[in-house]
Amino acid sequence: MLLPLLWGLAIISSGAASPSTPVSNLSGPAPGTPPSDPLSRPLSGPDISSRAPIVRPLVAGSGKMAKLYFRHGTVSSAKTLNLLAVAHTYKQQGKKVVVLKPALDTRFGKSQVASRAGLECEADFLLEPGTVLPASLFDDCHCVLVDEAQFVSSFIIDQLRQVTKCM
């Protein structure tokens, strides 16, 4: 039986150390990336199910850019738990984290991001399909985390891609 995949999204600033290790680039190397880049290798190995593939921003710039990660897995595969752990790690280091979630996800409360294990935090911003993200939301931000990203409109995803250029 196949289980549906649910998605999470993280944008990590280029100046911050990532709490997870990127393993693969699902869409192939980014433009101008040499083939020897370790991120361009395919997923393989015995622990493939525990790896979190990434997708890099497609826009090449002269300065450092934030990294755009998509973490996905089946239902009950600890995606939200990992998102909350990443948020906790950054906050413990004194770094600003912005947690976003779609407004239609009200399973644990209107603005609550919660895992089945019992960890939870308040979302900083609720996303509607036509939401315009205020630039001030990302001032001095080190990490943007989006729970249940499969429910976020392409309009918002495009805005988040633009955030990677500014972080």
Protein backbone atom coordinates (compact mmCIF):
# COMPACT_ATOMS: atom_id res chain seq x y z
CA MET A 1 0.00 0.00 0.00
CA LEU A 2 1.37 3.39 -0.95
CA LEU A 3 0.99 6.22 1.54
CA PRO A 4 0.56 9.81 0.41
CA LEU A 5 3.54 12.12 0.64
CA LEU A 6 3.28 15.32 2.63
CA TRP A 7 5.71 18.16 2.21
CA GLY A 8 7.65 20.58 4.38
CA LEU A 9 9.87 23.43 3.23
CA ALA A 10 12.86 25.13 4.85
CA ILE A 11 14.87 28.12 3.71
CA ILE A 12 18.19 28.34 5.50
CA SER A 13 20.35 31.45 5.19
CA SER A 14 23.74 30.97 3.58
CA GLY A 15 25.51 32.31 6.66
CA ALA A 16 23.93 29.74 8.96
CA ALA A 17 25.06 26.20 9.48
CA SER A 18 22.32 23.83 8.40
CA PRO A 19 21.06 21.48 11.11
CA SER A 20 20.45 18.80 8.48
CA THR A 21 22.86 17.43 5.93
CA PRO A 22 21.75 17.89 2.33
CA VAL A 23 22.13 14.69 0.37
CA SER A 24 20.79 15.10 -3.14
CA ASN A 25 19.51 17.56 -5.68
CA LEU A 26 16.39 15.99 -7.18
CA SER A 27 16.23 18.31 -10.18
CA GLY A 28 19.85 17.79 -11.22
CA PRO A 29 22.69 20.21 -10.76
CA ALA A 30 21.87 23.91 -10.62
CA PRO A 31 22.95 25.90 -13.69
CA GLY A 32 26.70 26.34 -13.66
CA THR A 33 27.25 23.65 -11.01
CA PRO A 34 30.10 21.28 -11.89
CA PRO A 35 29.08 17.59 -12.11
CA SER A 36 31.54 16.73 -9.34
CA ASP A 37 29.35 18.59 -6.84
CA PRO A 38 28.46 16.03 -4.12
CA LEU A 39 24.89 17.34 -4.07
CA SER A 40 24.37 16.26 -7.68
CA ARG A 41 24.89 12.57 -6.92
CA PRO A 42 21.78 10.37 -6.89
CA LEU A 43 20.25 9.03 -3.70
CA SER A 44 21.58 5.59 -2.88
CA GLY A 45 22.59 3.44 0.04
CA PRO A 46 20.94 1.44 2.77
CA ASP A 47 19.54 4.41 4.69
CA ILE A 48 17.87 6.11 1.72
CA SER A 49 14.54 6.45 3.57
CA SER A 50 16.08 8.59 6.31
CA ARG A 51 17.67 11.10 3.97
CA ALA A 52 16.16 14.48 3.25
CA PRO A 53 16.67 15.49 -0.39
CA ILE A 54 17.01 19.15 -1.26
CA VAL A 55 16.18 21.32 -4.22
CA ARG A 56 18.48 24.26 -4.79
CA PRO A 57 17.32 27.70 -5.83
CA LEU A 58 17.49 27.97 -9.61
CA VAL A 59 18.66 31.58 -9.69
CA ALA A 60 22.42 32.03 -9.68
CA GLY A 61 23.70 35.22 -8.08
CA SER A 62 27.06 36.78 -7.42
CA GLY A 63 26.60 36.72 -3.64
CA LYS A 64 25.70 33.93 -1.27
CA MET A 65 22.15 32.69 -1.45
CA ALA A 66 20.05 30.90 1.11
CA LYS A 67 19.37 27.24 0.54
CA LEU A 68 15.89 25.99 -0.24
CA TYR A 69 15.16 22.53 1.18
CA PHE A 70 12.12 20.34 0.63
CA ARG A 71 11.69 17.59 3.18
CA HIS A 72 9.12 15.00 2.27
CA GLY A 73 7.93 11.64 3.47
CA THR A 74 4.93 9.49 4.17
CA VAL A 75 2.33 10.20 6.83
CA SER A 76 3.83 9.76 10.34
CA SER A 77 7.44 10.01 9.12
CA ALA A 78 8.32 12.83 11.58
CA LYS A 79 8.46 15.73 9.11
CA THR A 80 6.81 18.21 11.50
CA LEU A 81 8.81 16.82 14.41
CA ASN A 82 12.01 17.52 12.44
CA LEU A 83 10.76 21.00 11.53
CA LEU A 84 10.16 21.75 15.22
CA ALA A 85 13.60 20.36 16.12
CA VAL A 86 15.25 22.63 13.53
CA ALA A 87 13.31 25.63 14.88
CA HIS A 88 14.39 24.77 18.43
CA THR A 89 18.06 24.39 17.39
CA TYR A 90 18.14 27.80 15.69
CA LYS A 91 16.36 29.49 18.60
CA GLN A 92 18.80 27.93 21.08
CA GLN A 93 21.62 29.52 19.05
CA GLY A 94 19.92 32.92 19.32
CA LYS A 95 18.98 32.98 15.63
CA LYS A 96 15.68 34.26 14.27
CA VAL A 97 13.36 31.59 12.88
CA VAL A 98 10.12 32.28 11.01
CA VAL A 99 7.57 29.44 11.10
CA LEU A 100 4.80 29.54 8.48
CA LYS A 101 1.82 27.30 7.93
CA PRO A 102 -1.24 27.26 5.68
CA ALA A 103 -4.30 28.80 7.34
CA LEU A 104 -6.46 25.86 6.24
CA ASP A 105 -4.50 23.47 8.51
CA THR A 106 -6.46 23.75 11.74
CA ARG A 107 -5.95 20.20 13.08
CA PHE A 108 -4.08 21.37 16.21
CA GLY A 109 -5.44 24.92 16.40
CA LYS A 110 -5.53 27.89 14.10
CA SER A 111 -1.88 28.93 14.37
CA GLN A 112 -0.40 25.90 16.12
CA VAL A 113 2.27 23.73 14.47
CA ALA A 114 2.29 20.43 16.32
CA SER A 115 3.73 16.96 15.86
CA ARG A 116 2.01 13.75 16.83
CA ALA A 117 4.78 13.29 19.43
CA GLY A 118 3.45 16.29 21.35
CA LEU A 119 5.96 19.03 20.43
CA GLU A 120 4.41 22.27 19.26
CA CYS A 121 5.03 25.95 18.54
CA GLU A 122 3.04 28.95 17.32
CA ALA A 123 3.27 29.78 13.62
CA ASP A 124 4.59 33.29 13.05
CA PHE A 125 2.42 33.79 9.97
CA LEU A 126 -0.60 32.02 8.45
CA LEU A 127 -0.64 31.55 4.68
CA GLU A 128 -3.73 31.99 2.51
CA PRO A 129 -3.51 31.25 -1.25
CA GLY A 130 -3.15 34.95 -2.19
CA THR A 131 -1.05 36.06 0.78
CA VAL A 132 1.63 38.64 0.01
CA LEU A 133 4.50 37.99 2.39
CA PRO A 134 5.75 41.19 4.05
CA ALA A 135 9.50 41.70 3.55
CA SER A 136 9.80 42.81 7.19
CA LEU A 137 8.87 39.28 8.27
CA PHE A 138 12.28 38.08 7.08
CA ASP A 139 14.46 40.88 8.54
CA ASP A 140 17.51 39.34 10.28
CA CYS A 141 16.03 35.90 9.68
CA HIS A 142 18.28 32.83 9.64
CA CYS A 143 15.70 30.18 8.83
CA VAL A 144 12.18 30.06 7.37
CA LEU A 145 10.22 26.87 8.03
CA VAL A 146 6.92 26.02 6.32
CA ASP A 147 4.81 23.16 7.64
CA GLU A 148 2.34 21.37 5.35
CA ALA A 149 3.80 23.08 2.28
CA GLN A 150 1.71 20.91 -0.05
CA PHE A 151 -1.23 23.17 0.87
CA VAL A 152 0.64 26.38 -0.02
CA SER A 153 -0.14 28.05 -3.35
CA SER A 154 2.45 28.38 -6.11
CA PHE A 155 2.17 32.17 -5.65
CA ILE A 156 3.56 31.82 -2.10
CA ILE A 157 6.22 29.30 -3.15
CA ASP A 158 7.44 31.82 -5.75
CA GLN A 159 7.66 34.48 -3.03
CA LEU A 160 9.65 32.11 -0.82
CA ARG A 161 12.04 31.47 -3.71
CA GLN A 162 12.57 35.24 -3.86
CA VAL A 163 13.33 35.26 -0.13
CA THR A 164 16.33 32.97 -0.82
CA LYS A 165 17.90 35.81 -2.81
CA CYS A 166 17.59 38.24 0.10
CA MET A 167 18.67 36.11 3.08
